[in-house]
Amino acid sequence: MEKINLLVDTDIFIDYFNTGRFSNILENASFRIYYSVVTEKELLSKKGLKAIEKEAILLTLKNCRRVRIDNEIALRYSELRRSYPLIDKEDMLIAATAITKKLPLVTRNNKHYKGIRELVLFAWHG
């Protein structure tokens, strides 16, 4: 069976690390998990992050695929910023990544991305 590709937003990883929630996505062999470098930055720059927490984050991310910001993502980001100036810059970079790479975005923060026409949101409440 072919894997389902998903871009996972930072909030999903945070819930996973804090409560184990969303393990049905992050530990499921049916999914190929991608994450933006923005998510990596947000996870690793948490104030007061302990060494063991950092280690757990890096170990989990190692099993996923990192998407770096390339020229195509940067261009899409700048287009989206003009169309949706009120959306947070980090969220817009994640949205630009999902759109450019044609990946549905898994997030609990639907309101952060609401209205971005090209973006496919994968609603999951696991």
C-alpha atoms as a PDB file:
ATOM      1  CA  MET A   1       0.000   0.000   0.000  1.00  0.00           C
ATOM      2  CA  GLU A   2       1.245   3.469  -0.899  1.00  0.00           C
ATOM      3  CA  LYS A   3       2.017   5.792   1.998  1.00  0.00           C
ATOM      4  CA  ILE A   4       0.078   9.002   2.533  1.00  0.00           C
ATOM      5  CA  ASN A   5       2.330  12.068   2.569  1.00  0.00           C
ATOM      6  CA  LEU A   6       1.570  14.692   5.234  1.00  0.00           C
ATOM      7  CA  LEU A   7       3.185  17.922   6.374  1.00  0.00           C
ATOM      8  CA  VAL A   8       2.825  18.100  10.157  1.00  0.00           C
ATOM      9  CA  ASP A   9       2.480  21.478  11.872  1.00  0.00           C
ATOM     10  CA  THR A  10       4.373  22.386  15.020  1.00  0.00           C
ATOM     11  CA  ASP A  11       1.299  22.145  17.272  1.00  0.00           C
ATOM     12  CA  ILE A  12       0.845  18.467  16.423  1.00  0.00           C
ATOM     13  CA  PHE A  13       4.447  17.686  17.406  1.00  0.00           C
ATOM     14  CA  ILE A  14       4.060  19.684  20.635  1.00  0.00           C
ATOM     15  CA  ASP A  15       0.948  17.721  21.610  1.00  0.00           C
ATOM     16  CA  TYR A  16       2.752  14.490  20.761  1.00  0.00           C
ATOM     17  CA  PHE A  17       5.741  15.342  22.956  1.00  0.00           C
ATOM     18  CA  ASN A  18       3.627  16.660  25.846  1.00  0.00           C
ATOM     19  CA  THR A  19       0.842  14.069  25.961  1.00  0.00           C
ATOM     20  CA  GLY A  20       1.480  11.338  23.382  1.00  0.00           C
ATOM     21  CA  ARG A  21      -1.501  12.608  21.418  1.00  0.00           C
ATOM     22  CA  PHE A  22      -1.291  12.155  17.634  1.00  0.00           C
ATOM     23  CA  SER A  23       0.857   9.036  17.942  1.00  0.00           C
ATOM     24  CA  ASN A  24      -1.750   7.550  15.586  1.00  0.00           C
ATOM     25  CA  ILE A  25      -0.232   9.800  12.912  1.00  0.00           C
ATOM     26  CA  LEU A  26       3.409  10.155  13.911  1.00  0.00           C
ATOM     27  CA  GLU A  27       3.927   6.461  14.691  1.00  0.00           C
ATOM     28  CA  ASN A  28       1.787   5.101  11.866  1.00  0.00           C
ATOM     29  CA  ALA A  29       3.586   3.332   9.004  1.00  0.00           C
ATOM     30  CA  SER A  30       0.769   4.354   6.642  1.00  0.00           C
ATOM     31  CA  PHE A  31       2.000   7.953   6.694  1.00  0.00           C
ATOM     32  CA  ARG A  32       5.169   9.554   5.380  1.00  0.00           C
ATOM     33  CA  ILE A  33       5.676  12.544   7.668  1.00  0.00           C
ATOM     34  CA  TYR A  34       7.257  15.779   6.501  1.00  0.00           C
ATOM     35  CA  TYR A  35       8.002  18.876   8.570  1.00  0.00           C
ATOM     36  CA  SER A  36       9.178  22.373   7.754  1.00  0.00           C
ATOM     37  CA  VAL A  37      12.471  23.758   9.020  1.00  0.00           C
ATOM     38  CA  VAL A  38      10.228  26.371  10.660  1.00  0.00           C
ATOM     39  CA  THR A  39       8.730  23.599  12.815  1.00  0.00           C
ATOM     40  CA  GLU A  40      12.201  22.372  13.711  1.00  0.00           C
ATOM     41  CA  LYS A  41      13.196  25.898  14.736  1.00  0.00           C
ATOM     42  CA  GLU A  42      10.031  26.346  16.801  1.00  0.00           C
ATOM     43  CA  LEU A  43      10.477  23.014  18.595  1.00  0.00           C
ATOM     44  CA  LEU A  44      14.174  23.437  19.360  1.00  0.00           C
ATOM     45  CA  SER A  45      13.988  27.093  20.428  1.00  0.00           C
ATOM     46  CA  LYS A  46      11.512  26.468  23.264  1.00  0.00           C
ATOM     47  CA  LYS A  47      12.588  28.462  26.279  1.00  0.00           C
ATOM     48  CA  GLY A  48      13.940  26.192  29.016  1.00  0.00           C
ATOM     49  CA  LEU A  49      14.241  23.159  26.732  1.00  0.00           C
ATOM     50  CA  LYS A  50      16.012  20.371  28.612  1.00  0.00           C
ATOM     51  CA  ALA A  51      18.685  18.208  26.994  1.00  0.00           C
ATOM     52  CA  ILE A  52      16.490  15.112  27.233  1.00  0.00           C
ATOM     53  CA  GLU A  53      13.603  16.968  25.542  1.00  0.00           C
ATOM     54  CA  LYS A  54      15.901  18.127  22.757  1.00  0.00           C
ATOM     55  CA  GLU A  55      17.112  14.563  22.312  1.00  0.00           C
ATOM     56  CA  ALA A  56      13.511  13.285  22.065  1.00  0.00           C
ATOM     57  CA  ILE A  57      12.650  15.959  19.497  1.00  0.00           C
ATOM     58  CA  LEU A  58      15.689  15.178  17.357  1.00  0.00           C
ATOM     59  CA  LEU A  59      15.041  11.438  17.570  1.00  0.00           C
ATOM     60  CA  THR A  60      11.432  11.877  16.439  1.00  0.00           C
ATOM     61  CA  LEU A  61      12.343  14.281  13.636  1.00  0.00           C
ATOM     62  CA  LYS A  62      14.993  11.832  12.437  1.00  0.00           C
ATOM     63  CA  ASN A  63      12.142   9.488  11.449  1.00  0.00           C
ATOM     64  CA  CYS A  64      10.500  12.224   9.383  1.00  0.00           C
ATOM     65  CA  ARG A  65      11.519  14.189   6.301  1.00  0.00           C
ATOM     66  CA  ARG A  66      12.671  17.796   6.673  1.00  0.00           C
ATOM     67  CA  VAL A  67      11.606  20.296   4.028  1.00  0.00           C
ATOM     68  CA  ARG A  68      14.019  23.193   3.696  1.00  0.00           C
ATOM     69  CA  ILE A  69      12.959  26.562   2.381  1.00  0.00           C
ATOM     70  CA  ASP A  70      14.023  26.681  -1.254  1.00  0.00           C
ATOM     71  CA  ASN A  71      13.490  29.341  -3.934  1.00  0.00           C
ATOM     72  CA  GLU A  72      10.098  27.962  -4.924  1.00  0.00           C
ATOM     73  CA  ILE A  73       8.818  27.986  -1.326  1.00  0.00           C
ATOM     74  CA  ALA A  74      10.225  31.486  -0.772  1.00  0.00           C
ATOM     75  CA  LEU A  75       8.467  32.756  -3.894  1.00  0.00           C
ATOM     76  CA  ARG A  76       5.149  31.181  -2.851  1.00  0.00           C
ATOM     77  CA  TYR A  77       5.617  32.668   0.631  1.00  0.00           C
ATOM     78  CA  SER A  78       6.036  36.172  -0.768  1.00  0.00           C
ATOM     79  CA  GLU A  79       2.923  35.737  -2.945  1.00  0.00           C
ATOM     80  CA  LEU A  80       0.909  34.501   0.030  1.00  0.00           C
ATOM     81  CA  ARG A  81       2.143  37.365   2.253  1.00  0.00           C
ATOM     82  CA  ARG A  82       0.695  39.853  -0.222  1.00  0.00           C
ATOM     83  CA  SER A  83      -2.654  38.016  -0.288  1.00  0.00           C
ATOM     84  CA  TYR A  84      -2.875  37.236   3.446  1.00  0.00           C
ATOM     85  CA  PRO A  85      -0.898  39.944   5.307  1.00  0.00           C
ATOM     86  CA  LEU A  86      -2.457  39.202   8.712  1.00  0.00           C
ATOM     87  CA  ILE A  87      -1.280  35.590   8.939  1.00  0.00           C
ATOM     88  CA  ASP A  88       1.782  34.992  11.114  1.00  0.00           C
ATOM     89  CA  LYS A  89       5.054  34.743   9.136  1.00  0.00           C
ATOM     90  CA  GLU A  90       5.985  31.296  10.476  1.00  0.00           C
ATOM     91  CA  ASP A  91       2.526  29.927   9.720  1.00  0.00           C
ATOM     92  CA  MET A  92       2.728  31.432   6.240  1.00  0.00           C
ATOM     93  CA  LEU A  93       6.086  29.717   5.616  1.00  0.00           C
ATOM     94  CA  ILE A  94       4.576  26.398   6.667  1.00  0.00           C
ATOM     95  CA  ALA A  95       1.557  27.024   4.416  1.00  0.00           C
ATOM     96  CA  ALA A  96       3.849  27.936   1.504  1.00  0.00           C
ATOM     97  CA  THR A  97       5.778  24.710   2.093  1.00  0.00           C
ATOM     98  CA  ALA A  98       2.603  22.601   2.071  1.00  0.00           C
ATOM     99  CA  ILE A  99       1.275  24.259  -1.086  1.00  0.00           C
ATOM    100  CA  THR A 100       4.568  24.125  -2.976  1.00  0.00           C
ATOM    101  CA  LYS A 101       5.268  20.497  -2.081  1.00  0.00           C
ATOM    102  CA  LYS A 102       1.594  19.527  -2.607  1.00  0.00           C
ATOM    103  CA  LEU A 103       1.289  18.129   0.909  1.00  0.00           C
ATOM    104  CA  PRO A 104      -1.840  18.267   3.064  1.00  0.00           C
ATOM    105  CA  LEU A 105      -1.123  20.120   6.306  1.00  0.00           C
ATOM    106  CA  VAL A 106      -2.015  18.400   9.581  1.00  0.00           C
ATOM    107  CA  THR A 107      -2.740  21.027  12.215  1.00  0.00           C
ATOM    108  CA  ARG A 108      -5.054  21.769  15.101  1.00  0.00           C
ATOM    109  CA  ASN A 109      -4.686  25.479  14.352  1.00  0.00           C
ATOM    110  CA  ASN A 110      -7.109  25.573  11.450  1.00  0.00           C
ATOM    111  CA  LYS A 111      -7.921  29.211  12.207  1.00  0.00           C
ATOM    112  CA  HIS A 112      -4.276  30.159  11.550  1.00  0.00           C
ATOM    113  CA  TYR A 113      -4.599  28.873   7.993  1.00  0.00           C
ATOM    114  CA  LYS A 114      -8.273  29.555   7.341  1.00  0.00           C
ATOM    115  CA  GLY A 115      -8.958  31.150   4.006  1.00  0.00           C
ATOM    116  CA  ILE A 116      -5.763  30.162   2.194  1.00  0.00           C
ATOM    117  CA  ARG A 117      -7.417  28.811  -0.923  1.00  0.00           C
ATOM    118  CA  GLU A 118      -4.621  26.615  -2.257  1.00  0.00           C
ATOM    119  CA  LEU A 119      -3.906  24.972   1.103  1.00  0.00           C
ATOM    120  CA  VAL A 120      -5.270  21.494   1.842  1.00  0.00           C
ATOM    121  CA  LEU A 121      -5.862  21.022   5.569  1.00  0.00           C
ATOM    122  CA  PHE A 122      -5.943  17.522   7.004  1.00  0.00           C
ATOM    123  CA  ALA A 123      -8.232  17.769   9.999  1.00  0.00           C
ATOM    124  CA  TRP A 124      -7.275  15.241  12.638  1.00  0.00           C
ATOM    125  CA  HIS A 125      -8.485  15.155  16.192  1.00  0.00           C
ATOM    126  CA  GLY A 126      -6.738  11.950  17.358  1.00  0.00           C
END
